[in-house]
Amino acid sequence: MVDILIRKVGDSTKELLRRRAERHGKSLEADLRDTLERLAREEAETPDDTEPFGSWLVSITRPGIELDEALDVLRSAPIRPAPFEEPA
């Protein structure tokens, strides 16, 4: 894991983000982390850009993994049409 530091965020912005996190039942840090992860996944060109499908599949089959959480992440990914090439 890495740390990201964001400077010069306005007081009102921080307060709005804190209230948002509170509504979600999370700490400000946890809510911002979840939001950044969701945004990064939305911008990924393919699901394999975030985590290769095979790796994801193996990770959810390990003992102690909460399957509902893993499926929620998959379900929250944006729906994209499958790319097909035109026949020559």
N, C-alpha and C. Protein backbone atom coordinates (compact mmCIF):
# COMPACT_ATOMS: atom_id res chain seq x y z
N MET A 1 0.84 -1.19 0.00
CA MET A 1 0.00 0.00 0.00
C MET A 1 0.89 1.25 0.00
N VAL A 2 0.39 2.28 -0.63
CA VAL A 2 1.10 3.55 -0.66
C VAL A 2 0.23 4.61 -0.02
N ASP A 3 0.87 5.70 0.36
CA ASP A 3 0.16 6.86 0.91
C ASP A 3 0.06 7.92 -0.16
N ILE A 4 -1.07 8.61 -0.18
CA ILE A 4 -1.27 9.75 -1.08
C ILE A 4 -1.61 10.95 -0.22
N LEU A 5 -0.92 12.03 -0.44
CA LEU A 5 -1.16 13.26 0.31
C LEU A 5 -1.73 14.30 -0.64
N ILE A 6 -2.87 14.86 -0.28
CA ILE A 6 -3.49 15.90 -1.09
C ILE A 6 -3.48 17.18 -0.27
N ARG A 7 -2.82 18.19 -0.80
CA ARG A 7 -2.69 19.46 -0.08
C ARG A 7 -3.69 20.49 -0.60
N LYS A 8 -3.90 21.49 0.23
CA LYS A 8 -4.70 22.68 -0.12
C LYS A 8 -6.14 22.36 -0.49
N VAL A 9 -6.76 21.50 0.31
CA VAL A 9 -8.20 21.24 0.19
C VAL A 9 -8.90 22.24 1.09
N GLY A 10 -9.88 22.92 0.56
CA GLY A 10 -10.59 23.94 1.33
C GLY A 10 -11.31 23.35 2.54
N ASP A 11 -11.44 24.18 3.57
CA ASP A 11 -12.12 23.74 4.79
C ASP A 11 -13.55 23.29 4.51
N SER A 12 -14.26 24.03 3.66
CA SER A 12 -15.65 23.66 3.36
C SER A 12 -15.70 22.34 2.60
N THR A 13 -14.75 22.11 1.71
CA THR A 13 -14.70 20.85 0.97
C THR A 13 -14.45 19.69 1.92
N LYS A 14 -13.51 19.87 2.82
CA LYS A 14 -13.21 18.81 3.78
C LYS A 14 -14.44 18.50 4.63
N GLU A 15 -15.15 19.52 5.04
CA GLU A 15 -16.33 19.32 5.87
C GLU A 15 -17.43 18.59 5.09
N LEU A 16 -17.62 18.95 3.84
CA LEU A 16 -18.61 18.25 3.00
C LEU A 16 -18.23 16.78 2.83
N LEU A 17 -16.94 16.50 2.61
CA LEU A 17 -16.48 15.12 2.48
C LEU A 17 -16.64 14.35 3.79
N ARG A 18 -16.39 15.01 4.91
CA ARG A 18 -16.56 14.37 6.22
C ARG A 18 -18.02 14.00 6.44
N ARG A 19 -18.93 14.90 6.08
CA ARG A 19 -20.36 14.62 6.24
C ARG A 19 -20.80 13.48 5.32
N ARG A 20 -20.26 13.47 4.12
CA ARG A 20 -20.57 12.39 3.18
C ARG A 20 -20.14 11.05 3.76
N ALA A 21 -18.93 11.01 4.30
CA ALA A 21 -18.42 9.77 4.91
C ALA A 21 -19.30 9.35 6.08
N GLU A 22 -19.74 10.31 6.86
CA GLU A 22 -20.60 10.02 8.00
C GLU A 22 -21.92 9.41 7.53
N ARG A 23 -22.48 9.95 6.46
CA ARG A 23 -23.72 9.39 5.91
C ARG A 23 -23.53 7.96 5.43
N HIS A 24 -22.32 7.65 4.95
CA HIS A 24 -22.02 6.29 4.51
C HIS A 24 -21.59 5.39 5.65
N GLY A 25 -21.51 5.93 6.85
CA GLY A 25 -21.12 5.13 8.01
C GLY A 25 -19.66 4.76 8.02
N LYS A 26 -18.82 5.63 7.45
CA LYS A 26 -17.40 5.36 7.34
C LYS A 26 -16.60 6.54 7.86
N SER A 27 -15.32 6.28 8.11
CA SER A 27 -14.41 7.38 8.42
C SER A 27 -14.13 8.14 7.12
N LEU A 28 -13.66 9.36 7.25
CA LEU A 28 -13.33 10.15 6.07
C LEU A 28 -12.29 9.42 5.23
N GLU A 29 -11.27 8.87 5.87
CA GLU A 29 -10.22 8.16 5.14
C GLU A 29 -10.78 6.95 4.39
N ALA A 30 -11.60 6.14 5.07
CA ALA A 30 -12.16 4.94 4.43
C ALA A 30 -13.08 5.31 3.26
N ASP A 31 -13.88 6.34 3.43
CA ASP A 31 -14.79 6.75 2.37
C ASP A 31 -14.02 7.27 1.15
N LEU A 32 -12.99 8.07 1.40
CA LEU A 32 -12.18 8.58 0.29
C LEU A 32 -11.43 7.44 -0.40
N ARG A 33 -10.93 6.48 0.35
CA ARG A 33 -10.22 5.34 -0.23
C ARG A 33 -11.16 4.55 -1.14
N ASP A 34 -12.37 4.27 -0.63
CA ASP A 34 -13.35 3.52 -1.43
C ASP A 34 -13.72 4.29 -2.70
N THR A 35 -13.88 5.60 -2.56
CA THR A 35 -14.24 6.43 -3.72
C THR A 35 -13.12 6.42 -4.76
N LEU A 36 -11.89 6.56 -4.32
CA LEU A 36 -10.76 6.54 -5.25
C LEU A 36 -10.64 5.20 -5.96
N GLU A 37 -10.84 4.11 -5.22
CA GLU A 37 -10.76 2.78 -5.83
C GLU A 37 -11.87 2.60 -6.86
N ARG A 38 -13.08 3.06 -6.54
CA ARG A 38 -14.19 2.95 -7.49
C ARG A 38 -13.91 3.77 -8.75
N LEU A 39 -13.42 4.99 -8.58
CA LEU A 39 -13.11 5.84 -9.72
C LEU A 39 -12.02 5.24 -10.59
N ALA A 40 -11.02 4.66 -9.97
CA ALA A 40 -9.93 4.04 -10.73
C ALA A 40 -10.46 2.87 -11.55
N ARG A 41 -11.35 2.06 -10.96
CA ARG A 41 -11.92 0.93 -11.69
C ARG A 41 -12.78 1.41 -12.84
N GLU A 42 -13.53 2.50 -12.65
CA GLU A 42 -14.37 3.03 -13.72
C GLU A 42 -13.54 3.47 -14.92
N GLU A 43 -12.36 3.98 -14.66
CA GLU A 43 -11.52 4.49 -15.73
C GLU A 43 -10.65 3.43 -16.39
N ALA A 44 -10.60 2.25 -15.80
CA ALA A 44 -9.79 1.18 -16.39
C ALA A 44 -10.39 0.79 -17.74
N GLU A 45 -9.54 0.54 -18.70
CA GLU A 45 -10.02 0.20 -20.03
C GLU A 45 -10.66 -1.18 -20.08
N THR A 46 -10.15 -2.12 -19.31
CA THR A 46 -10.73 -3.45 -19.26
C THR A 46 -10.70 -3.90 -17.80
N PRO A 47 -11.54 -4.88 -17.44
CA PRO A 47 -11.49 -5.38 -16.06
C PRO A 47 -10.09 -5.88 -15.69
N ASP A 48 -9.34 -6.41 -16.66
CA ASP A 48 -8.01 -6.92 -16.35
C ASP A 48 -7.02 -5.80 -16.03
N ASP A 49 -7.36 -4.53 -16.32
CA ASP A 49 -6.49 -3.42 -15.93
C ASP A 49 -6.44 -3.27 -14.42
N THR A 50 -7.52 -3.61 -13.74
CA THR A 50 -7.53 -3.47 -12.28
C THR A 50 -6.99 -4.72 -11.60
N GLU A 51 -7.41 -5.87 -12.07
CA GLU A 51 -6.90 -7.15 -11.54
C GLU A 51 -7.26 -8.21 -12.57
N PRO A 52 -6.30 -8.96 -13.03
CA PRO A 52 -6.63 -10.01 -14.00
C PRO A 52 -7.71 -10.94 -13.46
N PHE A 53 -8.63 -11.35 -14.32
CA PHE A 53 -9.76 -12.16 -13.89
C PHE A 53 -9.31 -13.42 -13.16
N GLY A 54 -8.29 -14.07 -13.67
CA GLY A 54 -7.81 -15.29 -13.02
C GLY A 54 -7.34 -15.04 -11.59
N SER A 55 -6.64 -13.93 -11.39
CA SER A 55 -6.18 -13.58 -10.04
C SER A 55 -7.36 -13.29 -9.13
N TRP A 56 -8.35 -12.56 -9.67
CA TRP A 56 -9.54 -12.26 -8.88
C TRP A 56 -10.26 -13.54 -8.50
N LEU A 57 -10.42 -14.45 -9.45
CA LEU A 57 -11.13 -15.69 -9.20
C LEU A 57 -10.43 -16.51 -8.13
N VAL A 58 -9.12 -16.60 -8.19
CA VAL A 58 -8.36 -17.33 -7.17
C VAL A 58 -8.53 -16.64 -5.82
N SER A 59 -8.48 -15.30 -5.79
CA SER A 59 -8.54 -14.57 -4.52
C SER A 59 -9.87 -14.77 -3.80
N ILE A 60 -10.97 -14.93 -4.55
CA ILE A 60 -12.27 -15.09 -3.87
C ILE A 60 -12.55 -16.52 -3.44
N THR A 61 -11.71 -17.46 -3.82
CA THR A 61 -11.93 -18.85 -3.43
C THR A 61 -11.12 -19.24 -2.21
N ARG A 62 -10.35 -18.32 -1.69
CA ARG A 62 -9.56 -18.62 -0.49
C ARG A 62 -10.44 -18.64 0.75
N PRO A 63 -10.13 -19.50 1.72
CA PRO A 63 -10.92 -19.55 2.95
C PRO A 63 -10.93 -18.19 3.65
N GLY A 64 -12.08 -17.84 4.20
CA GLY A 64 -12.20 -16.60 4.97
C GLY A 64 -12.55 -15.38 4.14
N ILE A 65 -12.63 -15.53 2.83
CA ILE A 65 -12.98 -14.41 1.96
C ILE A 65 -14.49 -14.22 1.97
N GLU A 66 -14.93 -12.99 2.11
CA GLU A 66 -16.35 -12.67 2.08
C GLU A 66 -16.79 -12.58 0.62
N LEU A 67 -17.45 -13.59 0.12
CA LEU A 67 -17.83 -13.67 -1.29
C LEU A 67 -18.77 -12.53 -1.69
N ASP A 68 -19.69 -12.15 -0.81
CA ASP A 68 -20.62 -11.07 -1.15
C ASP A 68 -19.87 -9.77 -1.44
N GLU A 69 -18.83 -9.47 -0.66
CA GLU A 69 -18.04 -8.26 -0.90
C GLU A 69 -17.34 -8.33 -2.25
N ALA A 70 -16.76 -9.48 -2.57
CA ALA A 70 -16.05 -9.64 -3.84
C ALA A 70 -17.01 -9.48 -5.01
N LEU A 71 -18.20 -10.03 -4.88
CA LEU A 71 -19.19 -9.90 -5.95
C LEU A 71 -19.72 -8.47 -6.07
N ASP A 72 -19.84 -7.77 -4.94
CA ASP A 72 -20.27 -6.37 -4.99
C ASP A 72 -19.29 -5.52 -5.79
N VAL A 73 -18.00 -5.78 -5.62
CA VAL A 73 -16.98 -5.05 -6.37
C VAL A 73 -17.16 -5.32 -7.86
N LEU A 74 -17.38 -6.57 -8.21
CA LEU A 74 -17.58 -6.93 -9.61
C LEU A 74 -18.85 -6.29 -10.17
N ARG A 75 -19.91 -6.32 -9.39
CA ARG A 75 -21.18 -5.75 -9.84
C ARG A 75 -21.13 -4.23 -9.97
N SER A 76 -20.26 -3.58 -9.22
CA SER A 76 -20.19 -2.12 -9.27
C SER A 76 -19.37 -1.61 -10.47
N ALA A 77 -18.71 -2.51 -11.16
CA ALA A 77 -17.92 -2.11 -12.33
C ALA A 77 -18.86 -1.64 -13.43
N PRO A 78 -18.45 -0.63 -14.19
CA PRO A 78 -19.32 -0.15 -15.26
C PRO A 78 -19.50 -1.22 -16.35
N ILE A 79 -20.67 -1.21 -16.95
CA ILE A 79 -20.97 -2.15 -18.03
C ILE A 79 -20.46 -1.55 -19.32
N ARG A 80 -19.69 -2.32 -20.05
CA ARG A 80 -19.14 -1.86 -21.32
C ARG A 80 -19.45 -2.90 -22.39
N PRO A 81 -19.75 -2.44 -23.59
CA PRO A 81 -19.98 -3.42 -24.66
C PRO A 81 -18.68 -4.16 -25.00
N ALA A 82 -18.83 -5.40 -25.38
CA ALA A 82 -17.66 -6.18 -25.77
C ALA A 82 -17.15 -5.66 -27.10
N PRO A 83 -15.82 -5.46 -27.20
CA PRO A 83 -15.27 -4.97 -28.47
C PRO A 83 -15.21 -6.11 -29.50
N PHE A 84 -15.73 -5.86 -30.67
CA PHE A 84 -15.66 -6.82 -31.76
C PHE A 84 -15.04 -6.14 -32.96
N GLU A 85 -14.23 -6.87 -33.67
CA GLU A 85 -13.64 -6.33 -34.89
C GLU A 85 -14.55 -6.66 -36.06
N GLU A 86 -14.66 -5.74 -36.98
CA GLU A 86 -15.44 -5.96 -38.19
C GLU A 86 -14.73 -6.99 -39.06
N PRO A 87 -15.48 -7.92 -39.67
CA PRO A 87 -14.84 -8.88 -40.57
C PRO A 87 -14.24 -8.16 -41.78
N ALA A 88 -13.14 -8.66 -42.26
CA ALA A 88 -12.45 -8.03 -43.40
C ALA A 88 -13.15 -8.32 -44.69
